[in-house]
Amino acid sequence: MDFINAIVSLLQDPMAAIQGWIASGPVVAYGFIFLIVFVETGVVFMPFLPGDSLLFAAGFFAHNSELQILVLLAVVWVAAIVGDQCNFMIGHFLGKRIIASGKIKALTPERVAETEGFLEKWGGLSIFLGRFFPFIRTFVPFFAGMGGMHWHHFFGFNVLGGITWSTLFTMLGYWFGDIPVVQEHFELLVVGIILVSVIPTVVGVVRAWLKNRQAETVLAEEDLASDAGGAEDESSNGAR
């Protein structure tokens, strides 16, 4: 229940949530940060967690609190790498059954198509690039495991992507944490990070929806043409 409350409070007010964790002690703060990064990357049905903004906020507080930046980096590195590896194994052993069950509402046909297209286009590099896109970040390792990608091939890109992504957003928060305008408008900045992170996903979903509509229109036109052709054949046969 504490973890669920932590997620809810993080979504509502990231600054207050992390301040509360730090007030309970650095170990508690590291623990919650680890769990949320791990769950976002490692559990396929929770892609909505704000990983980018959490890392930025954690880096911000490492500059202005008891959190130690080196310890924090080690925590988020391990969480990101182990999370993706866990997700890969879930996809490998349970992926097809999970998809067939239809119980994970986040795995919409549009997101499935988008992620599969992303993997097909970029191959192993998609494991690295996918880290920087919400939702895709959660689904890429799952589909890589389900699609039969070799474990050793996946692991190298997983380590590279996990360290790069978590370091980048954590250090951005750490470096900019001393700027007064950032301190005064921290909440707005976090909201901005969330919005910018979500834009590629929204664009992908809209493009997939438009393609589906276009395909449906083409099929409808073909059906109409086929029906019209059949009617003409019947009328000509009747005339004979």
C-alpha atoms as a PDB file:
ATOM      1  CA  MET A   1       0.000   0.000   0.000  1.00  0.00           C
ATOM      2  CA  ASP A   2       2.893   2.381   0.769  1.00  0.00           C
ATOM      3  CA  PHE A   3       4.239   1.861  -2.742  1.00  0.00           C
ATOM      4  CA  ILE A   4       0.838   2.594  -4.310  1.00  0.00           C
ATOM      5  CA  ASN A   5       0.525   5.747  -2.204  1.00  0.00           C
ATOM      6  CA  ALA A   6       4.030   6.730  -3.311  1.00  0.00           C
ATOM      7  CA  ILE A   7       3.031   6.380  -6.976  1.00  0.00           C
ATOM      8  CA  VAL A   8      -0.160   8.415  -6.487  1.00  0.00           C
ATOM      9  CA  SER A   9       1.667  11.186  -4.637  1.00  0.00           C
ATOM     10  CA  LEU A  10       4.406  11.224  -7.281  1.00  0.00           C
ATOM     11  CA  LEU A  11       1.869  11.658 -10.071  1.00  0.00           C
ATOM     12  CA  GLN A  12       0.073  14.420  -8.160  1.00  0.00           C
ATOM     13  CA  ASP A  13       3.070  16.394  -6.890  1.00  0.00           C
ATOM     14  CA  PRO A  14       6.578  15.042  -7.667  1.00  0.00           C
ATOM     15  CA  MET A  15       8.382  17.658  -5.588  1.00  0.00           C
ATOM     16  CA  ALA A  16       6.327  17.053  -2.434  1.00  0.00           C
ATOM     17  CA  ALA A  17       6.494  13.267  -2.925  1.00  0.00           C
ATOM     18  CA  ILE A  18      10.281  13.114  -3.119  1.00  0.00           C
ATOM     19  CA  GLN A  19      10.631  15.597  -0.267  1.00  0.00           C
ATOM     20  CA  GLY A  20       8.484  13.254   1.821  1.00  0.00           C
ATOM     21  CA  TRP A  21      10.680  10.285   0.950  1.00  0.00           C
ATOM     22  CA  ILE A  22      13.841  12.224   1.816  1.00  0.00           C
ATOM     23  CA  ALA A  23      12.292  13.317   5.124  1.00  0.00           C
ATOM     24  CA  SER A  24      11.905   9.621   5.971  1.00  0.00           C
ATOM     25  CA  GLY A  25      15.616   9.131   5.344  1.00  0.00           C
ATOM     26  CA  PRO A  26      17.892   8.794   2.282  1.00  0.00           C
ATOM     27  CA  VAL A  27      17.559   4.999   2.290  1.00  0.00           C
ATOM     28  CA  VAL A  28      13.774   5.279   1.960  1.00  0.00           C
ATOM     29  CA  ALA A  29      14.171   7.796  -0.872  1.00  0.00           C
ATOM     30  CA  TYR A  30      16.646   5.563  -2.726  1.00  0.00           C
ATOM     31  CA  GLY A  31      14.309   2.614  -2.215  1.00  0.00           C
ATOM     32  CA  PHE A  32      11.247   4.336  -3.686  1.00  0.00           C
ATOM     33  CA  ILE A  33      13.250   5.742  -6.609  1.00  0.00           C
ATOM     34  CA  PHE A  34      14.626   2.267  -7.341  1.00  0.00           C
ATOM     35  CA  LEU A  35      11.185   0.644  -7.188  1.00  0.00           C
ATOM     36  CA  ILE A  36       9.484   3.168  -9.454  1.00  0.00           C
ATOM     37  CA  VAL A  37      12.212   3.083 -12.119  1.00  0.00           C
ATOM     38  CA  PHE A  38      12.281  -0.729 -11.926  1.00  0.00           C
ATOM     39  CA  VAL A  39       8.500  -1.080 -12.175  1.00  0.00           C
ATOM     40  CA  GLU A  40       8.179   1.365 -15.075  1.00  0.00           C
ATOM     41  CA  THR A  41      10.815  -0.488 -17.102  1.00  0.00           C
ATOM     42  CA  GLY A  42      10.274  -3.997 -15.762  1.00  0.00           C
ATOM     43  CA  VAL A  43       6.510  -4.496 -15.444  1.00  0.00           C
ATOM     44  CA  VAL A  44       4.680  -4.347 -18.746  1.00  0.00           C
ATOM     45  CA  PHE A  45       1.331  -3.192 -17.349  1.00  0.00           C
ATOM     46  CA  MET A  46       2.659   0.011 -15.701  1.00  0.00           C
ATOM     47  CA  PRO A  47       4.079   2.140 -18.538  1.00  0.00           C
ATOM     48  CA  PHE A  48       2.412   5.308 -17.257  1.00  0.00           C
ATOM     49  CA  LEU A  49       4.906   5.948 -14.436  1.00  0.00           C
ATOM     50  CA  PRO A  50       6.825   9.227 -14.935  1.00  0.00           C
ATOM     51  CA  GLY A  51      10.356   7.868 -15.226  1.00  0.00           C
ATOM     52  CA  ASP A  52      11.906  10.892 -16.965  1.00  0.00           C
ATOM     53  CA  SER A  53      10.489  13.453 -14.549  1.00  0.00           C
ATOM     54  CA  LEU A  54      11.311  11.242 -11.537  1.00  0.00           C
ATOM     55  CA  LEU A  55      14.967  11.024 -12.557  1.00  0.00           C
ATOM     56  CA  PHE A  56      15.133  14.776 -13.144  1.00  0.00           C
ATOM     57  CA  ALA A  57      13.520  15.489  -9.777  1.00  0.00           C
ATOM     58  CA  ALA A  58      15.814  13.007  -8.014  1.00  0.00           C
ATOM     59  CA  GLY A  59      18.861  14.705  -9.550  1.00  0.00           C
ATOM     60  CA  PHE A  60      17.487  18.091  -8.499  1.00  0.00           C
ATOM     61  CA  PHE A  61      17.204  16.944  -4.881  1.00  0.00           C
ATOM     62  CA  ALA A  62      20.636  15.321  -4.975  1.00  0.00           C
ATOM     63  CA  HIS A  63      21.930  18.858  -5.491  1.00  0.00           C
ATOM     64  CA  ASN A  64      19.828  20.286  -2.675  1.00  0.00           C
ATOM     65  CA  SER A  65      19.420  17.573  -0.023  1.00  0.00           C
ATOM     66  CA  GLU A  66      20.993  14.587   1.711  1.00  0.00           C
ATOM     67  CA  LEU A  67      20.866  12.430  -1.424  1.00  0.00           C
ATOM     68  CA  GLN A  68      24.330  11.629  -2.773  1.00  0.00           C
ATOM     69  CA  ILE A  69      24.616  11.888  -6.550  1.00  0.00           C
ATOM     70  CA  LEU A  70      26.959   8.899  -6.951  1.00  0.00           C
ATOM     71  CA  VAL A  71      24.751   6.652  -4.829  1.00  0.00           C
ATOM     72  CA  LEU A  72      21.677   7.892  -6.688  1.00  0.00           C
ATOM     73  CA  LEU A  73      23.271   7.138 -10.067  1.00  0.00           C
ATOM     74  CA  ALA A  74      24.177   3.624  -8.950  1.00  0.00           C
ATOM     75  CA  VAL A  75      20.590   3.051  -7.765  1.00  0.00           C
ATOM     76  CA  VAL A  76      18.960   4.214 -11.016  1.00  0.00           C
ATOM     77  CA  TRP A  77      21.489   2.342 -13.179  1.00  0.00           C
ATOM     78  CA  VAL A  78      20.716  -0.958 -11.467  1.00  0.00           C
ATOM     79  CA  ALA A  79      16.956  -0.295 -11.475  1.00  0.00           C
ATOM     80  CA  ALA A  80      16.895   0.535 -15.195  1.00  0.00           C
ATOM     81  CA  ILE A  81      19.062  -2.402 -16.279  1.00  0.00           C
ATOM     82  CA  VAL A  82      17.446  -5.040 -14.060  1.00  0.00           C
ATOM     83  CA  GLY A  83      13.974  -3.718 -14.911  1.00  0.00           C
ATOM     84  CA  ASP A  84      14.470  -4.084 -18.664  1.00  0.00           C
ATOM     85  CA  GLN A  85      16.024  -7.515 -18.225  1.00  0.00           C
ATOM     86  CA  CYS A  86      13.041  -8.628 -16.157  1.00  0.00           C
ATOM     87  CA  ASN A  87      10.646  -7.296 -18.791  1.00  0.00           C
ATOM     88  CA  PHE A  88      12.577  -9.151 -21.495  1.00  0.00           C
ATOM     89  CA  MET A  89      12.201 -12.427 -19.594  1.00  0.00           C
ATOM     90  CA  ILE A  90       8.475 -11.830 -19.064  1.00  0.00           C
ATOM     91  CA  GLY A  91       8.069 -11.316 -22.799  1.00  0.00           C
ATOM     92  CA  HIS A  92      10.165 -14.393 -23.586  1.00  0.00           C
ATOM     93  CA  PHE A  93       8.282 -16.812 -21.343  1.00  0.00           C
ATOM     94  CA  LEU A  94       4.802 -15.281 -21.044  1.00  0.00           C
ATOM     95  CA  GLY A  95       4.495 -12.705 -23.839  1.00  0.00           C
ATOM     96  CA  LYS A  96       2.175 -14.560 -26.205  1.00  0.00           C
ATOM     97  CA  ARG A  97      -0.151 -15.646 -23.408  1.00  0.00           C
ATOM     98  CA  ILE A  98      -0.307 -12.100 -22.030  1.00  0.00           C
ATOM     99  CA  ILE A  99      -1.166 -10.643 -25.434  1.00  0.00           C
ATOM    100  CA  ALA A 100      -3.783 -13.337 -26.071  1.00  0.00           C
ATOM    101  CA  SER A 101      -5.437 -12.735 -22.684  1.00  0.00           C
ATOM    102  CA  GLY A 102      -6.193  -9.085 -23.514  1.00  0.00           C
ATOM    103  CA  LYS A 103      -5.994  -8.236 -19.813  1.00  0.00           C
ATOM    104  CA  ILE A 104      -3.341  -5.523 -20.170  1.00  0.00           C
ATOM    105  CA  LYS A 105      -5.311  -2.561 -21.467  1.00  0.00           C
ATOM    106  CA  ALA A 106      -2.130  -0.559 -22.130  1.00  0.00           C
ATOM    107  CA  LEU A 107      -1.286  -3.029 -24.899  1.00  0.00           C
ATOM    108  CA  THR A 108      -3.672  -1.497 -27.414  1.00  0.00           C
ATOM    109  CA  PRO A 109      -3.427  -2.641 -31.063  1.00  0.00           C
ATOM    110  CA  GLU A 110      -1.932   0.764 -31.929  1.00  0.00           C
ATOM    111  CA  ARG A 111       0.819   0.463 -29.310  1.00  0.00           C
ATOM    112  CA  VAL A 112       1.537  -3.145 -30.267  1.00  0.00           C
ATOM    113  CA  ALA A 113       1.873  -2.141 -33.937  1.00  0.00           C
ATOM    114  CA  GLU A 114       3.972   0.901 -33.064  1.00  0.00           C
ATOM    115  CA  THR A 115       6.385  -1.072 -30.879  1.00  0.00           C
ATOM    116  CA  GLU A 116       6.715  -3.950 -33.338  1.00  0.00           C
ATOM    117  CA  GLY A 117       7.399  -1.444 -36.134  1.00  0.00           C
ATOM    118  CA  PHE A 118       9.993   0.292 -33.959  1.00  0.00           C
ATOM    119  CA  LEU A 119      11.770  -3.028 -33.292  1.00  0.00           C
ATOM    120  CA  GLU A 120      11.630  -4.061 -36.926  1.00  0.00           C
ATOM    121  CA  LYS A 121      13.048  -0.738 -38.114  1.00  0.00           C
ATOM    122  CA  TRP A 122      15.897  -0.342 -35.620  1.00  0.00           C
ATOM    123  CA  GLY A 123      16.673  -3.917 -34.527  1.00  0.00           C
ATOM    124  CA  GLY A 124      18.945  -4.141 -31.488  1.00  0.00           C
ATOM    125  CA  LEU A 125      19.423  -0.369 -31.499  1.00  0.00           C
ATOM    126  CA  SER A 126      15.723  -0.041 -30.607  1.00  0.00           C
ATOM    127  CA  ILE A 127      16.567  -1.306 -27.104  1.00  0.00           C
ATOM    128  CA  PHE A 128      18.794   1.749 -26.659  1.00  0.00           C
ATOM    129  CA  LEU A 129      16.584   4.283 -28.464  1.00  0.00           C
ATOM    130  CA  GLY A 130      13.381   3.036 -26.842  1.00  0.00           C
ATOM    131  CA  ARG A 131      14.609   4.203 -23.452  1.00  0.00           C
ATOM    132  CA  PHE A 132      13.852   7.793 -24.421  1.00  0.00           C
ATOM    133  CA  PHE A 133      10.178   7.245 -25.321  1.00  0.00           C
ATOM    134  CA  PRO A 134       7.519   6.716 -22.619  1.00  0.00           C
ATOM    135  CA  PHE A 135       5.332   3.625 -23.127  1.00  0.00           C
ATOM    136  CA  ILE A 136       7.699   2.374 -25.850  1.00  0.00           C
ATOM    137  CA  ARG A 137      10.348   2.224 -23.112  1.00  0.00           C
ATOM    138  CA  THR A 138       8.203  -0.340 -21.295  1.00  0.00           C
ATOM    139  CA  PHE A 139       7.038  -2.333 -24.314  1.00  0.00           C
ATOM    140  CA  VAL A 140      10.286  -2.694 -26.315  1.00  0.00           C
ATOM    141  CA  PRO A 141      12.019  -5.209 -23.992  1.00  0.00           C
ATOM    142  CA  PHE A 142       8.761  -7.156 -23.648  1.00  0.00           C
ATOM    143  CA  PHE A 143       8.379  -7.555 -27.425  1.00  0.00           C
ATOM    144  CA  ALA A 144      12.105  -8.180 -27.870  1.00  0.00           C
ATOM    145  CA  GLY A 145      11.796 -11.147 -25.524  1.00  0.00           C
ATOM    146  CA  MET A 146       8.598 -12.352 -27.159  1.00  0.00           C
ATOM    147  CA  GLY A 147      10.144 -12.023 -30.620  1.00  0.00           C
ATOM    148  CA  GLY A 148      13.088 -14.259 -29.792  1.00  0.00           C
ATOM    149  CA  MET A 149      15.923 -11.704 -29.654  1.00  0.00           C
ATOM    150  CA  HIS A 150      19.074 -13.374 -28.309  1.00  0.00           C
ATOM    151  CA  TRP A 151      19.638 -12.675 -24.591  1.00  0.00           C
ATOM    152  CA  HIS A 152      23.279 -11.604 -25.003  1.00  0.00           C
ATOM    153  CA  HIS A 153      22.389  -9.286 -27.881  1.00  0.00           C
ATOM    154  CA  PHE A 154      19.668  -7.663 -25.789  1.00  0.00           C
ATOM    155  CA  PHE A 155      21.812  -7.312 -22.667  1.00  0.00           C
ATOM    156  CA  GLY A 156      24.489  -5.132 -24.268  1.00  0.00           C
ATOM    157  CA  PHE A 157      21.989  -2.599 -25.605  1.00  0.00           C
ATOM    158  CA  ASN A 158      20.087  -2.795 -22.302  1.00  0.00           C
ATOM    159  CA  VAL A 159      23.136  -1.786 -20.257  1.00  0.00           C
ATOM    160  CA  LEU A 160      24.111   0.990 -22.678  1.00  0.00           C
ATOM    161  CA  GLY A 161      20.573   2.381 -22.897  1.00  0.00           C
ATOM    162  CA  GLY A 162      19.814   2.074 -19.183  1.00  0.00           C
ATOM    163  CA  ILE A 163      22.948   3.898 -18.091  1.00  0.00           C
ATOM    164  CA  THR A 164      22.669   6.611 -20.757  1.00  0.00           C
ATOM    165  CA  TRP A 165      18.966   7.356 -20.162  1.00  0.00           C
ATOM    166  CA  SER A 166      19.090   7.366 -16.354  1.00  0.00           C
ATOM    167  CA  THR A 167      22.339   9.350 -16.215  1.00  0.00           C
ATOM    168  CA  LEU A 168      21.124  11.981 -18.688  1.00  0.00           C
ATOM    169  CA  PHE A 169      17.888  12.852 -16.890  1.00  0.00           C
ATOM    170  CA  THR A 170      19.381  12.561 -13.400  1.00  0.00           C
ATOM    171  CA  MET A 171      22.335  14.800 -14.226  1.00  0.00           C
ATOM    172  CA  LEU A 172      20.094  17.362 -15.963  1.00  0.00           C
ATOM    173  CA  GLY A 173      18.246  17.756 -12.678  1.00  0.00           C
ATOM    174  CA  TYR A 174      21.504  17.862 -10.749  1.00  0.00           C
ATOM    175  CA  TRP A 175      23.186  20.440 -13.000  1.00  0.00           C
ATOM    176  CA  PHE A 176      20.177  22.759 -13.243  1.00  0.00           C
ATOM    177  CA  GLY A 177      19.189  22.342  -9.605  1.00  0.00           C
ATOM    178  CA  ASP A 178      21.183  25.378  -8.522  1.00  0.00           C
ATOM    179  CA  ILE A 179      19.518  27.782 -10.968  1.00  0.00           C
ATOM    180  CA  PRO A 180      17.005  30.048  -9.143  1.00  0.00           C
ATOM    181  CA  VAL A 181      14.409  30.000 -11.931  1.00  0.00           C
ATOM    182  CA  VAL A 182      14.431  26.181 -11.848  1.00  0.00           C
ATOM    183  CA  GLN A 183      13.961  26.176  -8.082  1.00  0.00           C
ATOM    184  CA  GLU A 184      11.087  28.652  -8.304  1.00  0.00           C
ATOM    185  CA  HIS A 185       9.256  26.876 -11.139  1.00  0.00           C
ATOM    186  CA  PHE A 186      10.199  23.272 -10.471  1.00  0.00           C
ATOM    187  CA  GLU A 187       6.655  21.885 -10.785  1.00  0.00           C
ATOM    188  CA  LEU A 188       6.110  23.573 -14.154  1.00  0.00           C
ATOM    189  CA  LEU A 189       9.431  22.247 -15.409  1.00  0.00           C
ATOM    190  CA  VAL A 190       8.516  18.686 -14.408  1.00  0.00           C
ATOM    191  CA  VAL A 191       5.148  19.010 -16.148  1.00  0.00           C
ATOM    192  CA  GLY A 192       6.988  20.282 -19.232  1.00  0.00           C
ATOM    193  CA  ILE A 193       9.311  17.257 -19.199  1.00  0.00           C
ATOM    194  CA  ILE A 194       6.316  14.929 -18.989  1.00  0.00           C
ATOM    195  CA  LEU A 195       4.579  16.666 -21.896  1.00  0.00           C
ATOM    196  CA  VAL A 196       7.687  16.683 -24.099  1.00  0.00           C
ATOM    197  CA  SER A 197       8.302  13.006 -23.302  1.00  0.00           C
ATOM    198  CA  VAL A 198       4.752  12.032 -24.209  1.00  0.00           C
ATOM    199  CA  ILE A 199       4.650  13.918 -27.539  1.00  0.00           C
ATOM    200  CA  PRO A 200       6.429  11.179 -29.584  1.00  0.00           C
ATOM    201  CA  THR A 201       4.063   8.550 -28.198  1.00  0.00           C
ATOM    202  CA  VAL A 202       0.985  10.658 -29.005  1.00  0.00           C
ATOM    203  CA  VAL A 203       2.293  11.299 -32.519  1.00  0.00           C
ATOM    204  CA  GLY A 204       2.887   7.576 -33.011  1.00  0.00           C
ATOM    205  CA  VAL A 205      -0.604   6.667 -31.826  1.00  0.00           C
ATOM    206  CA  VAL A 206      -2.206   9.297 -34.082  1.00  0.00           C
ATOM    207  CA  ARG A 207      -0.187   8.117 -37.090  1.00  0.00           C
ATOM    208  CA  ALA A 208      -1.180   4.495 -36.407  1.00  0.00           C
ATOM    209  CA  TRP A 209      -4.836   5.540 -36.117  1.00  0.00           C
ATOM    210  CA  LEU A 210      -4.678   7.475 -39.397  1.00  0.00           C
ATOM    211  CA  LYS A 211      -3.088   4.512 -41.168  1.00  0.00           C
ATOM    212  CA  ASN A 212      -5.839   2.231 -39.872  1.00  0.00           C
ATOM    213  CA  ARG A 213      -8.505   4.662 -41.050  1.00  0.00           C
ATOM    214  CA  GLN A 214      -6.859   4.897 -44.449  1.00  0.00           C
ATOM    215  CA  ALA A 215      -6.696   1.102 -44.729  1.00  0.00           C
ATOM    216  CA  GLU A 216     -10.361   0.824 -43.719  1.00  0.00           C
ATOM    217  CA  THR A 217     -11.320   3.404 -46.359  1.00  0.00           C
ATOM    218  CA  VAL A 218      -9.409   1.540 -49.071  1.00  0.00           C
ATOM    219  CA  LEU A 219     -11.059  -1.750 -48.086  1.00  0.00           C
ATOM    220  CA  ALA A 220     -14.499  -0.123 -48.096  1.00  0.00           C
ATOM    221  CA  GLU A 221     -13.887   1.315 -51.571  1.00  0.00           C
ATOM    222  CA  GLU A 222     -12.708  -2.075 -52.838  1.00  0.00           C
ATOM    223  CA  ASP A 223     -15.833  -3.733 -51.409  1.00  0.00           C
ATOM    224  CA  LEU A 224     -18.055  -1.154 -53.110  1.00  0.00           C
ATOM    225  CA  ALA A 225     -16.250  -1.650 -56.404  1.00  0.00           C
ATOM    226  CA  SER A 226     -16.574  -5.424 -56.048  1.00  0.00           C
ATOM    227  CA  ASP A 227     -20.301  -5.155 -55.288  1.00  0.00           C
ATOM    228  CA  ALA A 228     -20.821  -2.823 -58.262  1.00  0.00           C
ATOM    229  CA  GLY A 229     -18.954  -5.232 -60.534  1.00  0.00           C
ATOM    230  CA  GLY A 230     -21.056  -8.140 -59.316  1.00  0.00           C
ATOM    231  CA  ALA A 231     -24.268  -6.202 -59.939  1.00  0.00           C
ATOM    232  CA  GLU A 232     -23.169  -5.405 -63.494  1.00  0.00           C
ATOM    233  CA  ASP A 233     -22.417  -9.056 -64.181  1.00  0.00           C
ATOM    234  CA  GLU A 234     -25.837 -10.107 -62.924  1.00  0.00           C
ATOM    235  CA  SER A 235     -27.622  -7.495 -65.028  1.00  0.00           C
ATOM    236  CA  SER A 236     -25.716  -8.518 -68.176  1.00  0.00           C
ATOM    237  CA  ASN A 237     -26.509 -12.201 -67.529  1.00  0.00           C
ATOM    238  CA  GLY A 238     -30.197 -11.320 -67.091  1.00  0.00           C
ATOM    239  CA  ALA A 239     -30.224  -9.402 -70.380  1.00  0.00           C
ATOM    240  CA  ARG A 240     -28.933 -12.481 -72.152  1.00  0.00           C
END
